[in-house]
């Protein structure tokens, strides 16, 4: 038999997983049998007591939810069906249904609900419904065992589709979510028995949405009344409140307001020595533990008559000490739902080779630890989602197209890929750079690009401390410029002195410090260009490089800066905007050596096809 140890030069060992599809599912390729390997969360981190999700968590999982359709008394009202995962191992309108009520002939969730046309797919109406059905969850199947979470009372069931024709499932951050209404909906599971005696790890990702009752309740308990000895009663993110695993935004200011208005990943670890609560991978609070009582029930969305308004996607409970696996579990969940940007030091990518970046923004993956590229708003309904990378480390343009459809897409956040979390944001719709034009992702030299314009720019949240030197880099197209306008506006302290500016024959400019404070390029024809400025205050010079060539060195940088802040696409006042596109911006708080500068430029110019 011919040697097929490589397919397209990729070793078989490296393709044990293809988009989270188990090798067991592709057991034969031209007669070659593969050995199955773990690909799902609960296959890797075994022994969970319960696992509820809108995605497949285990190889053994067959169906994820049981749902009820509501047609307000019309055809098919209150029919039920089990919902499986789709080809991407997540609930969608394409998910197959089974075990349905008598008379149901629909085969997919989209048909079952008669949603019409969504994302270019038209779902037929085999059950002859006269309306698009609302959809509620009455059973959330436990993928770790048999402790299913249920809600038999129809008025208390959480929702997964709102019944509007030609609309997708309820989503959070681009993924399906179960909506709890803050007034009545909740689910409960029992049957855990008395097995919880010492260890519990509790992981969930939620969005409180800032409406209704803002605290998010997800917990294990036994029977009323709850006492101070009950499991988790002694601990809260605000321990003095005596509440149970409480995301308390008013006290902890998790989102910068009095409400949880964005998605969070919470991990609760209860051990004999104490408890600790993590949000988005970072420890938020801890408390001294007493011995947990034996518990039996799990409740989602309600505690003693207090109901959570939230979108909920996943919850897993282990009756064991998983503290050594916590980071791996959180990484798995975050990679699926794109909730937060890790701040781990990179081990590969441009930022691993040229370390110490203060901030780094790009349409490509610069660090192997970065999972999010940008946050996109579609203008049809102002919904937003985080966008990550494809398998090549490029911006996931397919995810942008799928999310935006025929709407325009704008960037509300360009996620920082450095370890510092200095994300570049724009809350004002009219000032957000465009990434999608209603048909396709905007490109420059074949790579995705953010489109600038008058009044359009992104800004970082606060000044960054500087010891002395700086290296500023930007990849941008300024062919539409007619006057001097800024790619990267950098304010070093007061911008009052050190007015040395380099200008080359193309009209490109790089400032040391000046009244206009920035890294500038003026009129020039052409496509993407690479601008690199090394502000070497130690040696009292500014080195300007343009498209890989050193242009000049200018002496006279007499005042060392102590802090900087910046705008991308404008000066620090938000004006003098770049009317062209931009694709990559990196800032180092060091003066890169000539050798490093050449290496950085070679990497960038190769990727963006700059000559």
Protein backbone atom coordinates (compact mmCIF):
# COMPACT_ATOMS: atom_id res chain seq x y z
CA UNK A 1 0.00 0.00 0.00
CA UNK A 2 1.29 3.45 -0.82
CA UNK A 3 2.74 5.50 2.04
CA UNK A 4 0.10 7.98 3.10
CA UNK A 5 1.76 8.96 6.35
CA UNK A 6 1.39 12.52 5.17
CA UNK A 7 -1.61 14.22 3.66
CA UNK A 8 -0.76 17.58 2.17
CA UNK A 9 2.47 17.40 4.16
CA UNK A 10 0.61 17.31 7.50
CA UNK A 11 1.50 14.31 9.63
CA UNK A 12 -1.46 12.16 10.59
CA UNK A 13 -0.49 12.59 14.21
CA UNK A 14 -1.28 16.25 13.85
CA UNK A 15 -4.75 15.73 12.47
CA UNK A 16 -6.16 13.56 15.19
CA UNK A 17 -8.79 16.23 15.50
CA UNK A 18 -10.40 17.89 12.52
CA UNK A 19 -12.56 20.77 13.73
CA UNK A 20 -13.33 18.83 16.91
CA UNK A 21 -14.48 15.75 14.97
CA UNK A 22 -13.14 12.63 16.62
CA UNK A 23 -10.88 10.33 14.69
CA UNK A 24 -13.46 7.68 15.54
CA UNK A 25 -15.85 9.50 13.25
CA UNK A 26 -13.44 9.28 10.33
CA UNK A 27 -12.44 5.73 11.13
CA UNK A 28 -11.55 4.86 7.58
CA UNK A 29 -9.78 6.88 4.93
CA UNK A 30 -9.06 4.68 1.91
CA UNK A 31 -9.06 1.70 4.24
CA UNK A 32 -6.72 3.17 6.85
CA UNK A 33 -8.03 2.77 10.41
CA UNK A 34 -7.28 5.50 12.96
CA UNK A 35 -7.07 5.17 16.72
CA UNK A 36 -9.74 7.23 18.41
CA UNK A 37 -8.63 10.03 20.71
CA UNK A 38 -10.35 12.36 23.17
CA UNK A 39 -11.62 15.57 21.62
CA UNK A 40 -14.28 16.83 24.02
CA UNK A 41 -14.05 18.50 27.42
CA UNK A 42 -15.45 15.63 29.50
CA UNK A 43 -13.36 13.08 27.61
CA UNK A 44 -10.23 14.96 28.64
CA UNK A 45 -11.27 15.99 32.15
CA UNK A 46 -13.14 12.93 33.32
CA UNK A 47 -15.29 12.19 36.36
CA UNK A 48 -17.68 15.14 36.23
CA UNK A 49 -20.83 14.87 38.33
CA UNK A 50 -22.86 16.90 35.83
CA UNK A 51 -22.34 18.71 32.54
CA UNK A 52 -24.87 20.93 30.76
CA UNK A 53 -24.03 22.76 27.56
CA UNK A 54 -25.21 23.97 24.18
CA UNK A 55 -22.22 22.13 22.70
CA UNK A 56 -21.16 18.51 22.78
CA UNK A 57 -19.01 17.82 25.85
CA UNK A 58 -18.49 14.08 25.57
CA UNK A 59 -18.14 11.37 22.96
CA UNK A 60 -21.04 9.56 24.58
CA UNK A 61 -23.42 12.53 24.20
CA UNK A 62 -26.27 12.02 21.73
CA UNK A 63 -28.79 14.78 22.47
CA UNK A 64 -28.24 18.04 24.36
CA UNK A 65 -31.68 19.51 25.03
CA UNK A 66 -35.35 18.66 25.04
CA UNK A 67 -37.41 21.59 23.82
CA UNK A 68 -41.04 22.63 23.59
CA UNK A 69 -42.43 24.71 20.74
CA UNK A 70 -45.05 27.35 21.52
CA UNK A 71 -47.38 28.49 18.74
CA UNK A 72 -49.85 30.26 21.05
CA UNK A 73 -52.47 27.55 20.65
CA UNK A 74 -51.96 27.04 16.93
CA UNK A 75 -50.82 23.98 15.00
CA UNK A 76 -48.13 22.03 16.82
CA UNK A 77 -48.51 23.94 20.07
CA UNK A 78 -46.52 22.45 22.98
CA UNK A 79 -45.02 19.67 20.85
CA UNK A 80 -41.65 18.52 22.16
CA UNK A 81 -38.48 17.02 20.69
CA UNK A 82 -34.93 16.11 21.67
CA UNK A 83 -32.26 18.23 20.00
CA UNK A 84 -28.85 16.89 19.01
CA UNK A 85 -25.70 18.78 17.98
CA UNK A 86 -24.95 19.77 14.39
CA UNK A 87 -21.85 18.98 12.30
CA UNK A 88 -19.92 21.53 14.40
CA UNK A 89 -20.91 19.74 17.62
CA UNK A 90 -23.14 22.57 18.85
CA UNK A 91 -26.87 23.24 18.92
CA UNK A 92 -28.13 25.08 15.85
CA UNK A 93 -31.14 25.28 13.56
CA UNK A 94 -29.50 22.47 11.60
CA UNK A 95 -29.48 20.15 14.62
CA UNK A 96 -31.37 16.91 14.10
CA UNK A 97 -34.39 16.28 16.31
CA UNK A 98 -35.66 12.96 17.61
CA UNK A 99 -38.10 11.41 20.10
CA UNK A 100 -40.65 14.03 19.07
CA UNK A 101 -44.34 14.33 19.94
CA UNK A 102 -46.82 12.35 17.92
CA UNK A 103 -47.46 13.90 14.52
CA UNK A 104 -44.14 15.76 14.23
CA UNK A 105 -42.47 15.08 10.86
CA UNK A 106 -39.79 17.81 11.02
CA UNK A 107 -36.24 16.48 11.11
CA UNK A 108 -34.26 19.56 12.13
CA UNK A 109 -34.76 22.21 14.78
CA UNK A 110 -35.22 24.89 12.11
CA UNK A 111 -38.05 22.90 10.53
CA UNK A 112 -39.56 22.11 13.93
CA UNK A 113 -39.81 25.85 14.67
CA UNK A 114 -40.69 26.96 11.11
CA UNK A 115 -38.07 29.72 11.30
CA UNK A 116 -38.15 30.61 7.60
CA UNK A 117 -34.86 31.68 5.99
CA UNK A 118 -31.84 32.20 8.24
CA UNK A 119 -28.27 32.68 7.08
CA UNK A 120 -29.18 31.83 3.51
CA UNK A 121 -30.84 28.51 4.44
CA UNK A 122 -34.60 28.11 4.08
CA UNK A 123 -36.13 25.69 6.55
CA UNK A 124 -39.23 23.97 5.22
CA UNK A 125 -42.43 23.63 7.24
CA UNK A 126 -43.35 19.91 7.13
CA UNK A 127 -45.64 20.25 10.17
CA UNK A 128 -47.71 23.04 8.53
CA UNK A 129 -47.29 25.53 11.38
CA UNK A 130 -49.06 28.83 10.77
CA UNK A 131 -46.46 30.84 12.73
CA UNK A 132 -42.82 30.65 13.71
CA UNK A 133 -42.77 28.89 17.06
CA UNK A 134 -41.10 30.20 20.18
CA UNK A 135 -38.88 27.55 21.71
CA UNK A 136 -38.40 26.70 25.38
CA UNK A 137 -36.13 24.22 27.16
CA UNK A 138 -37.79 21.72 29.48
CA UNK A 139 -34.81 19.37 29.87
CA UNK A 140 -31.11 20.15 29.76
CA UNK A 141 -29.48 16.76 29.42
CA UNK A 142 -26.57 15.90 31.67
CA UNK A 143 -23.70 14.84 29.40
CA UNK A 144 -21.74 13.47 32.36
CA UNK A 145 -24.45 11.12 33.64
CA UNK A 146 -28.15 11.09 34.37
CA UNK A 147 -28.67 14.20 36.51
CA UNK A 148 -30.71 16.07 33.90
CA UNK A 149 -31.83 19.62 34.73
CA UNK A 150 -35.58 19.97 34.13
CA UNK A 151 -38.44 22.42 34.32
CA UNK A 152 -41.94 21.00 33.85
CA UNK A 153 -43.82 24.27 34.43
CA UNK A 154 -44.15 25.91 31.04
CA UNK A 155 -44.14 29.48 32.37
CA UNK A 156 -40.85 28.78 34.14
CA UNK A 157 -38.98 27.28 31.20
CA UNK A 158 -36.01 29.24 29.78
CA UNK A 159 -36.10 30.17 26.10
CA UNK A 160 -33.81 29.39 23.16
CA UNK A 161 -35.74 30.98 20.25
CA UNK A 162 -37.98 34.05 20.51
CA UNK A 163 -40.47 33.09 17.79
CA UNK A 164 -39.54 35.81 15.29
CA UNK A 165 -39.54 34.61 11.69
CA UNK A 166 -36.24 34.58 9.79
CA UNK A 167 -34.18 34.81 12.97
CA UNK A 168 -31.59 32.50 14.48
CA UNK A 169 -31.56 30.96 17.94
CA UNK A 170 -30.94 33.24 20.90
CA UNK A 171 -27.19 33.76 21.02
CA UNK A 172 -24.48 35.19 23.19
CA UNK A 173 -21.21 36.15 21.55
CA UNK A 174 -22.22 34.34 18.38
CA UNK A 175 -23.04 31.01 20.04
CA UNK A 176 -26.47 29.63 21.04
CA UNK A 177 -27.58 30.47 24.56
CA UNK A 178 -30.45 29.61 26.89
CA UNK A 179 -32.25 32.76 28.04
CA UNK A 180 -33.46 33.01 31.64
CA UNK A 181 -36.01 35.83 31.99
CA UNK A 182 -35.24 37.19 35.46
CA UNK A 183 -38.78 36.69 36.75
CA UNK A 184 -39.82 33.05 36.57
CA UNK A 185 -37.51 30.79 34.53
CA UNK A 186 -35.15 28.35 36.19
CA UNK A 187 -34.12 24.69 36.07
CA UNK A 188 -33.23 22.11 38.69
CA UNK A 189 -31.56 18.75 38.90
CA UNK A 190 -31.53 16.28 41.75
CA UNK A 191 -29.99 12.90 42.32
CA UNK A 192 -26.43 13.87 43.21
CA UNK A 193 -26.92 11.98 46.44
CA UNK A 194 -24.48 12.44 49.30
CA UNK A 195 -21.31 12.20 47.26
CA UNK A 196 -20.07 15.74 47.78
CA UNK A 197 -18.01 15.63 50.92
CA UNK A 198 -14.90 17.65 50.21
CA UNK A 199 -14.12 18.75 46.68
CA UNK A 200 -16.21 20.64 44.19
CA UNK A 201 -15.16 22.45 41.05
CA UNK A 202 -17.95 24.43 39.45
CA UNK A 203 -17.53 26.07 36.04
CA UNK A 204 -20.08 28.13 34.11
CA UNK A 205 -20.17 30.86 31.48
CA UNK A 206 -23.00 33.38 31.58
CA UNK A 207 -24.06 36.88 30.58
CA UNK A 208 -26.26 38.74 33.04
CA UNK A 209 -27.27 41.29 30.38
CA UNK A 210 -27.81 44.02 32.96
CA UNK A 211 -31.59 43.66 32.98
CA UNK A 212 -33.93 42.51 35.72
CA UNK A 213 -32.40 40.79 38.72
CA UNK A 214 -28.73 41.23 37.97
CA UNK A 215 -27.10 38.62 40.17
CA UNK A 216 -26.46 35.28 38.51
CA UNK A 217 -27.31 32.21 40.57
CA UNK A 218 -25.78 28.85 39.77
CA UNK A 219 -25.27 26.57 42.72
CA UNK A 220 -25.66 23.31 44.55
CA UNK A 221 -27.83 23.17 47.65
CA UNK A 222 -29.84 20.75 49.72
CA UNK A 223 -33.25 21.60 51.15
CA UNK A 224 -34.83 24.75 52.56
CA UNK A 225 -34.26 26.53 54.76
CA UNK A 226 -30.68 27.31 53.75
CA UNK A 227 -28.42 27.67 56.76
CA UNK A 228 -24.92 28.98 57.24
CA UNK A 229 -23.60 25.44 57.16
CA UNK A 230 -25.04 24.61 53.76
CA UNK A 231 -22.70 24.00 50.89
CA UNK A 232 -21.46 27.29 49.38
CA UNK A 233 -23.54 29.27 51.90
CA UNK A 234 -20.34 30.32 53.66
CA UNK A 235 -18.88 31.66 50.46
CA UNK A 236 -19.72 34.39 48.05
CA UNK A 237 -17.81 36.67 45.75
CA UNK A 238 -18.93 39.13 48.43
CA UNK A 239 -18.60 36.82 51.45
CA UNK A 240 -20.26 39.23 53.88
CA UNK A 241 -23.53 39.02 51.96
CA UNK A 242 -24.00 35.36 52.78
CA UNK A 243 -25.20 34.64 49.26
CA UNK A 244 -24.39 31.56 47.23
CA UNK A 245 -21.88 31.69 44.38
CA UNK A 246 -22.94 35.19 43.54
CA UNK A 247 -21.63 37.21 40.61
CA UNK A 248 -22.25 40.47 42.45
CA UNK A 249 -21.46 43.22 39.95
CA UNK A 250 -22.57 46.09 42.14
CA UNK A 251 -20.00 45.13 44.77
CA UNK A 252 -17.22 43.75 42.57
CA UNK A 253 -17.65 45.97 39.51
CA UNK A 254 -17.00 43.05 37.18
CA UNK A 255 -17.97 44.89 34.03
CA UNK A 256 -17.35 48.50 34.97
CA UNK A 257 -21.00 49.12 35.77
CA UNK A 258 -23.67 48.00 38.19
CA UNK A 259 -24.63 45.07 36.00
CA UNK A 260 -23.04 42.09 34.34
CA UNK A 261 -23.44 43.26 30.78
CA UNK A 262 -20.99 40.91 29.14
CA UNK A 263 -20.18 37.24 29.08
CA UNK A 264 -18.15 35.79 31.97
CA UNK A 265 -16.53 32.48 32.74
CA UNK A 266 -16.75 31.71 36.44
CA UNK A 267 -14.92 28.87 38.19
CA UNK A 268 -15.61 27.97 41.81
CA UNK A 269 -13.22 25.66 43.63
CA UNK A 270 -14.15 24.37 47.09
CA UNK A 271 -11.50 22.38 48.93
CA UNK A 272 -11.02 21.36 52.55
CA UNK A 273 -8.58 24.22 53.11
CA UNK A 274 -10.71 26.94 51.54
CA UNK A 275 -12.65 28.19 48.56
CA UNK A 276 -11.68 30.39 45.64
CA UNK A 277 -13.64 32.02 42.85
CA UNK A 278 -12.14 32.80 39.44
CA UNK A 279 -13.60 35.05 36.75
CA UNK A 280 -12.21 34.79 33.23
CA UNK A 281 -9.27 32.80 34.51
CA UNK A 282 -8.29 35.31 37.22
CA UNK A 283 -8.80 34.85 40.96
CA UNK A 284 -11.45 37.28 42.22
CA UNK A 285 -12.01 36.28 45.82
CA UNK A 286 -11.45 33.52 48.35
CA UNK A 287 -12.69 32.52 51.77
CA UNK A 288 -11.77 30.14 54.56
CA UNK A 289 -13.81 26.97 54.23
CA UNK A 290 -15.70 24.90 56.69
CA UNK A 291 -16.51 21.30 55.84
CA UNK A 292 -19.19 21.32 53.09
CA UNK A 293 -22.40 19.55 53.92
CA UNK A 294 -23.68 16.69 51.82
CA UNK A 295 -25.84 18.01 49.03
CA UNK A 296 -28.28 16.69 46.46
CA UNK A 297 -29.76 19.40 44.23
CA UNK A 298 -28.45 21.77 41.61
CA UNK A 299 -30.35 24.90 40.61
CA UNK A 300 -29.76 27.15 37.61
CA UNK A 301 -31.28 30.62 37.50
CA UNK A 302 -33.06 30.93 40.85
CA UNK A 303 -32.38 31.14 44.57
CA UNK A 304 -35.07 31.61 47.22
CA UNK A 305 -37.34 33.48 44.82
CA UNK A 306 -34.57 35.58 43.26
CA UNK A 307 -34.41 34.92 39.52
CA UNK A 308 -31.49 35.63 37.22
CA UNK A 309 -31.81 37.47 33.94
CA UNK A 310 -29.05 35.82 31.97
CA UNK A 311 -27.97 34.00 28.86
CA UNK A 312 -26.46 30.70 29.90
CA UNK A 313 -24.41 28.32 27.78
CA UNK A 314 -22.45 25.84 29.85
CA UNK A 315 -22.06 24.50 33.36
CA UNK A 316 -19.93 21.59 34.59
CA UNK A 317 -19.58 20.27 38.15
CA UNK A 318 -16.92 17.90 39.41
CA UNK A 319 -17.20 16.27 42.87
CA UNK A 320 -13.43 16.15 42.96
CA UNK A 321 -10.42 18.40 43.28
CA UNK A 322 -9.84 19.71 39.75
CA UNK A 323 -7.71 22.67 40.80
CA UNK A 324 -4.71 21.30 38.89
CA UNK A 325 -6.92 21.06 35.79
CA UNK A 326 -8.59 24.44 36.21
CA UNK A 327 -6.47 26.27 33.66
CA UNK A 328 -6.94 23.53 31.06
CA UNK A 329 -10.70 23.43 31.62
CA UNK A 330 -10.99 27.21 31.33
CA UNK A 331 -8.82 27.22 28.21
CA UNK A 332 -11.09 24.64 26.58
CA UNK A 333 -14.23 26.65 27.35
CA UNK A 334 -12.70 29.97 26.35
CA UNK A 335 -11.46 28.57 23.05
CA UNK A 336 -15.05 27.57 22.22
CA UNK A 337 -16.91 30.68 23.38
CA UNK A 338 -14.20 33.41 22.98
CA UNK A 339 -15.02 35.05 26.30
CA UNK A 340 -11.72 36.71 27.26
CA UNK A 341 -8.17 37.19 25.99
CA UNK A 342 -5.61 35.22 28.01
CA UNK A 343 -2.56 37.14 29.21
CA UNK A 344 -0.17 34.19 29.21
CA UNK A 345 3.29 34.75 27.76
CA UNK A 346 3.42 33.53 24.15
CA UNK A 347 5.48 30.49 23.26
CA UNK A 348 5.28 31.00 19.49
CA UNK A 349 4.42 33.76 17.05
CA UNK A 350 5.94 37.17 16.38
CA UNK A 351 5.44 38.29 19.99
CA UNK A 352 7.32 35.26 21.27
CA UNK A 353 10.29 36.03 19.02
CA UNK A 354 10.29 39.77 19.72
CA UNK A 355 9.19 39.92 23.33
CA UNK A 356 7.99 42.66 25.62
CA UNK A 357 5.27 44.29 23.49
CA UNK A 358 3.22 46.85 25.39
CA UNK A 359 0.30 46.32 23.01
CA UNK A 360 -0.27 44.41 19.78
CA UNK A 361 -3.25 44.50 17.41
CA UNK A 362 -3.50 42.56 14.18
CA UNK A 363 -5.67 40.70 11.70
CA UNK A 364 -3.39 37.71 12.25
CA UNK A 365 -2.45 35.75 15.34
CA UNK A 366 0.76 37.21 16.80
CA UNK A 367 0.76 35.03 19.93
CA UNK A 368 -0.23 31.40 20.24
CA UNK A 369 -1.99 32.31 23.51
CA UNK A 370 -4.31 34.88 21.93
CA UNK A 371 -7.77 33.48 21.13
CA UNK A 372 -9.67 36.65 20.13
CA UNK A 373 -8.88 39.03 17.26
CA UNK A 374 -11.66 41.62 17.39
CA UNK A 375 -15.23 42.28 18.46
CA UNK A 376 -17.67 42.96 15.64
CA UNK A 377 -20.99 44.84 15.60
CA UNK A 378 -23.46 44.20 12.79
CA UNK A 379 -25.56 47.24 12.00
CA UNK A 380 -28.81 45.38 11.25
CA UNK A 381 -29.56 44.80 14.95
CA UNK A 382 -26.42 46.07 16.75
CA UNK A 383 -25.62 42.58 18.03
CA UNK A 384 -21.94 42.01 18.77
CA UNK A 385 -19.65 38.99 18.80
CA UNK A 386 -16.00 38.19 19.34
CA UNK A 387 -14.10 36.83 16.36
CA UNK A 388 -11.08 34.55 16.66
CA UNK A 389 -8.69 32.85 14.26
CA UNK A 390 -8.99 30.13 11.69
CA UNK A 391 -6.75 27.06 11.72
CA UNK A 392 -3.99 29.02 9.95
CA UNK A 393 -3.89 31.77 12.55
CA UNK A 394 -5.62 34.25 10.22
CA UNK A 395 -8.67 36.32 11.11
CA UNK A 396 -11.72 34.05 10.92
CA UNK A 397 -13.38 35.79 7.99
CA UNK A 398 -15.93 33.00 7.62
CA UNK A 399 -17.19 33.69 11.15
CA UNK A 400 -17.50 37.40 10.28
CA UNK A 401 -19.45 36.66 7.10
CA UNK A 402 -21.71 34.19 8.89
CA UNK A 403 -22.40 36.68 11.66
CA UNK A 404 -22.98 39.77 9.49
CA UNK A 405 -24.74 38.21 6.50
CA UNK A 406 -26.05 41.16 4.48
CA UNK A 407 -25.43 43.67 7.29
CA UNK A 408 -22.35 45.87 7.61
CA UNK A 409 -19.80 44.90 10.23
CA UNK A 410 -17.85 47.34 12.42
CA UNK A 411 -15.04 46.83 14.93
CA UNK A 412 -15.94 47.83 18.48
CA UNK A 413 -12.79 46.34 20.01
CA UNK A 414 -9.44 45.33 18.60
CA UNK A 415 -8.18 42.87 21.18
CA UNK A 416 -4.62 43.36 22.44
CA UNK A 417 -2.56 40.21 21.93
CA UNK A 418 0.20 41.21 24.32
CA UNK A 419 0.15 40.11 27.95
CA UNK A 420 -1.12 43.52 29.08
CA UNK A 421 -4.78 43.57 28.04
CA UNK A 422 -4.60 47.08 26.53
CA UNK A 423 -7.52 46.60 24.16
CA UNK A 424 -8.41 49.33 21.65
CA UNK A 425 -12.11 50.24 21.83
CA UNK A 426 -14.69 52.47 20.20
CA UNK A 427 -18.16 52.72 21.74
CA UNK A 428 -19.53 55.32 19.33
CA UNK A 429 -21.07 53.57 16.32
CA UNK A 430 -20.20 56.31 13.82
CA UNK A 431 -16.54 56.22 14.87
CA UNK A 432 -16.04 52.47 14.53
CA UNK A 433 -13.83 51.21 11.66
CA UNK A 434 -15.59 48.94 9.18
CA UNK A 435 -14.46 45.35 8.57
CA UNK A 436 -17.37 43.95 6.51
CA UNK A 437 -19.32 45.76 3.76
CA UNK A 438 -22.49 43.69 3.65
CA UNK A 439 -21.04 41.30 1.10
CA UNK A 440 -17.46 40.50 2.05
CA UNK A 441 -14.70 41.24 4.52
CA UNK A 442 -12.75 44.36 3.53
CA UNK A 443 -9.23 43.46 2.38
CA UNK A 444 -5.93 45.07 1.46
CA UNK A 445 -3.34 43.05 -0.48
CA UNK A 446 -5.60 40.03 0.02
CA UNK A 447 -5.61 40.30 3.83
CA UNK A 448 -8.46 41.56 6.05
CA UNK A 449 -8.25 45.27 6.88
CA UNK A 450 -10.03 47.79 9.08
CA UNK A 451 -11.38 50.69 7.05
CA UNK A 452 -10.67 54.12 8.48
CA UNK A 453 -12.49 57.34 7.71
CA UNK A 454 -13.32 60.80 8.95
CA UNK A 455 -13.94 60.62 12.68
CA UNK A 456 -13.12 56.90 12.71
CA UNK A 457 -10.58 55.55 15.20
CA UNK A 458 -9.96 53.18 18.12
CA UNK A 459 -8.48 54.19 21.44
CA UNK A 460 -6.80 52.40 24.32
CA UNK A 461 -8.31 52.92 27.79
CA UNK A 462 -5.50 54.56 29.79
CA UNK A 463 -1.93 55.76 29.66
CA UNK A 464 0.88 53.21 29.79
CA UNK A 465 3.97 53.88 31.88
CA UNK A 466 7.24 54.21 29.95
CA UNK A 467 10.79 54.00 31.29
CA UNK A 468 12.47 55.54 28.25
CA UNK A 469 12.53 54.13 24.69
CA UNK A 470 9.73 53.25 22.28
CA UNK A 471 9.26 51.30 19.06
CA UNK A 472 6.10 52.07 17.10
CA UNK A 473 4.92 49.94 14.18
CA UNK A 474 1.92 50.12 11.88
CA UNK A 475 0.80 48.38 8.68
CA UNK A 476 -1.59 50.69 6.84
CA UNK A 477 -2.76 51.88 3.48
CA UNK A 478 -2.89 55.64 3.14
CA UNK A 479 -3.55 55.92 -0.59
CA UNK A 480 -6.76 57.86 0.03
CA UNK A 481 -5.07 60.60 2.00
CA UNK A 482 -5.00 64.14 0.70
CA UNK A 483 -3.65 65.85 3.80
CA UNK A 484 -1.38 64.84 6.65
CA UNK A 485 -3.29 62.32 8.70
CA UNK A 486 -2.38 59.82 11.39
CA UNK A 487 -2.15 56.06 11.41
CA UNK A 488 -1.14 55.84 15.07
CA UNK A 489 -1.53 58.89 17.30
CA UNK A 490 0.78 58.62 20.28
CA UNK A 491 0.69 61.12 23.12
CA UNK A 492 3.94 61.02 25.08
CA UNK A 493 3.35 63.02 28.24
CA UNK A 494 2.36 66.59 27.26
CA UNK A 495 3.54 66.51 23.63
CA UNK A 496 4.91 69.97 24.21
CA UNK A 497 8.55 69.51 23.25
CA UNK A 498 10.92 67.37 21.19
CA UNK A 499 9.44 68.33 17.84
CA UNK A 500 11.86 66.29 15.74
CA UNK A 501 10.02 64.79 12.78
CA UNK A 502 11.42 62.64 10.00
CA UNK A 503 9.91 63.10 6.55
CA UNK A 504 10.95 60.99 3.57
CA UNK A 505 10.48 61.64 -0.13
CA UNK A 506 7.13 59.80 -0.09
CA UNK A 507 5.78 62.19 2.50
CA UNK A 508 5.79 59.64 5.32
CA UNK A 509 6.47 61.02 8.75
CA UNK A 510 7.36 59.64 12.14
CA UNK A 511 7.30 61.99 15.12
CA UNK A 512 9.47 61.88 18.16
CA UNK A 513 7.27 64.26 20.13
CA UNK A 514 5.49 67.22 18.65
CA UNK A 515 2.41 69.35 18.79
CA UNK A 516 0.59 66.75 16.70
CA UNK A 517 1.94 63.90 18.80
CA UNK A 518 2.15 60.89 16.62
CA UNK A 519 3.31 58.41 14.11
CA UNK A 520 2.23 60.02 10.85
CA UNK A 521 1.95 59.32 7.18
CA UNK A 522 0.72 61.91 4.70
CA UNK A 523 -0.14 61.76 0.98
CA UNK A 524 1.12 58.69 -0.82
CA UNK A 525 -0.22 56.44 -3.54
CA UNK A 526 -0.18 52.67 -3.24
CA UNK A 527 -1.39 49.92 -1.00
CA UNK A 528 -0.33 48.64 2.40
CA UNK A 529 2.90 50.07 3.72
CA UNK A 530 4.94 49.27 6.81
CA UNK A 531 5.97 52.13 9.07
CA UNK A 532 8.44 51.50 11.88
CA UNK A 533 9.75 54.19 14.20
CA UNK A 534 12.36 53.54 16.87
CA UNK A 535 12.42 56.35 19.42
CA UNK A 536 15.74 55.78 21.14
CA UNK A 537 15.81 58.29 23.98
CA UNK A 538 18.81 56.51 25.49
CA UNK A 539 20.94 57.40 22.47
CA UNK A 540 19.05 60.61 21.70
CA UNK A 541 17.81 59.69 18.23
CA UNK A 542 14.77 58.74 16.19
CA UNK A 543 15.23 56.05 13.53
CA UNK A 544 12.54 55.97 10.88
CA UNK A 545 12.01 52.94 8.67
CA UNK A 546 9.58 52.64 5.78
CA UNK A 547 8.75 49.41 3.90
CA UNK A 548 11.85 47.71 5.26
CA UNK A 549 14.33 50.49 4.58
CA UNK A 550 16.02 52.72 7.11
CA UNK A 551 15.26 56.27 6.00
CA UNK A 552 17.13 58.41 8.44
CA UNK A 553 18.21 58.96 12.00
CA UNK A 554 17.41 62.27 13.65
CA UNK A 555 19.07 63.47 16.85
CA UNK A 556 17.55 65.72 19.45
CA UNK A 557 15.13 63.65 21.58
CA UNK A 558 16.04 65.48 24.74
CA UNK A 559 13.14 64.66 27.08
CA UNK A 560 12.44 61.08 28.14
CA UNK A 561 8.69 60.25 28.27
CA UNK A 562 7.19 58.67 31.38
CA UNK A 563 3.82 57.62 29.92
CA UNK A 564 2.03 57.25 26.59
CA UNK A 565 -1.48 56.74 25.32
CA UNK A 566 -2.62 56.31 21.75
CA UNK A 567 -5.37 56.21 19.17
CA UNK A 568 -5.35 53.94 16.14
CA UNK A 569 -6.41 55.87 13.06
CA UNK A 570 -6.29 59.33 14.64
CA UNK A 571 -4.27 61.64 16.84
CA UNK A 572 -4.90 61.65 20.57
CA UNK A 573 -7.76 64.10 20.08
CA UNK A 574 -9.51 61.71 17.69
CA UNK A 575 -8.93 63.94 14.67
CA UNK A 576 -6.54 63.96 11.66
CA UNK A 577 -7.99 60.55 10.86
CA UNK A 578 -6.56 57.97 8.47
CA UNK A 579 -8.97 57.58 5.56
CA UNK A 580 -7.29 54.37 4.40
CA UNK A 581 -7.03 50.96 6.06
CA UNK A 582 -4.91 49.46 8.81
CA UNK A 583 -4.03 45.85 9.57
CA UNK A 584 -1.43 45.68 12.31
CA UNK A 585 -0.18 47.95 15.10
CA UNK A 586 2.47 46.99 17.66
CA UNK A 587 4.10 49.08 20.38
CA UNK A 588 7.21 48.06 22.30
CA UNK A 589 8.54 49.99 25.29
CA UNK A 590 12.06 49.37 24.05
CA UNK A 591 14.18 50.55 21.16
CA UNK A 592 14.41 47.55 18.86
CA UNK A 593 17.89 46.91 17.55
CA UNK A 594 18.63 47.14 13.82
CA UNK A 595 18.77 43.33 13.69
CA UNK A 596 15.39 42.99 15.41
CA UNK A 597 13.88 45.72 13.27
CA UNK A 598 14.96 43.92 10.12
CA UNK A 599 13.57 40.61 11.37
CA UNK A 600 10.25 42.17 12.38
CA UNK A 601 9.93 43.87 9.02
CA UNK A 602 10.73 40.72 7.07
CA UNK A 603 8.05 38.79 8.97
CA UNK A 604 5.42 41.48 8.45
CA UNK A 605 6.22 42.30 4.83
CA UNK A 606 6.11 38.63 3.91
CA UNK A 607 2.72 38.12 5.52
CA UNK A 608 1.11 41.25 4.11
CA UNK A 609 2.85 41.01 0.70
CA UNK A 610 4.50 44.41 1.07
CA UNK A 611 7.31 45.12 -1.37
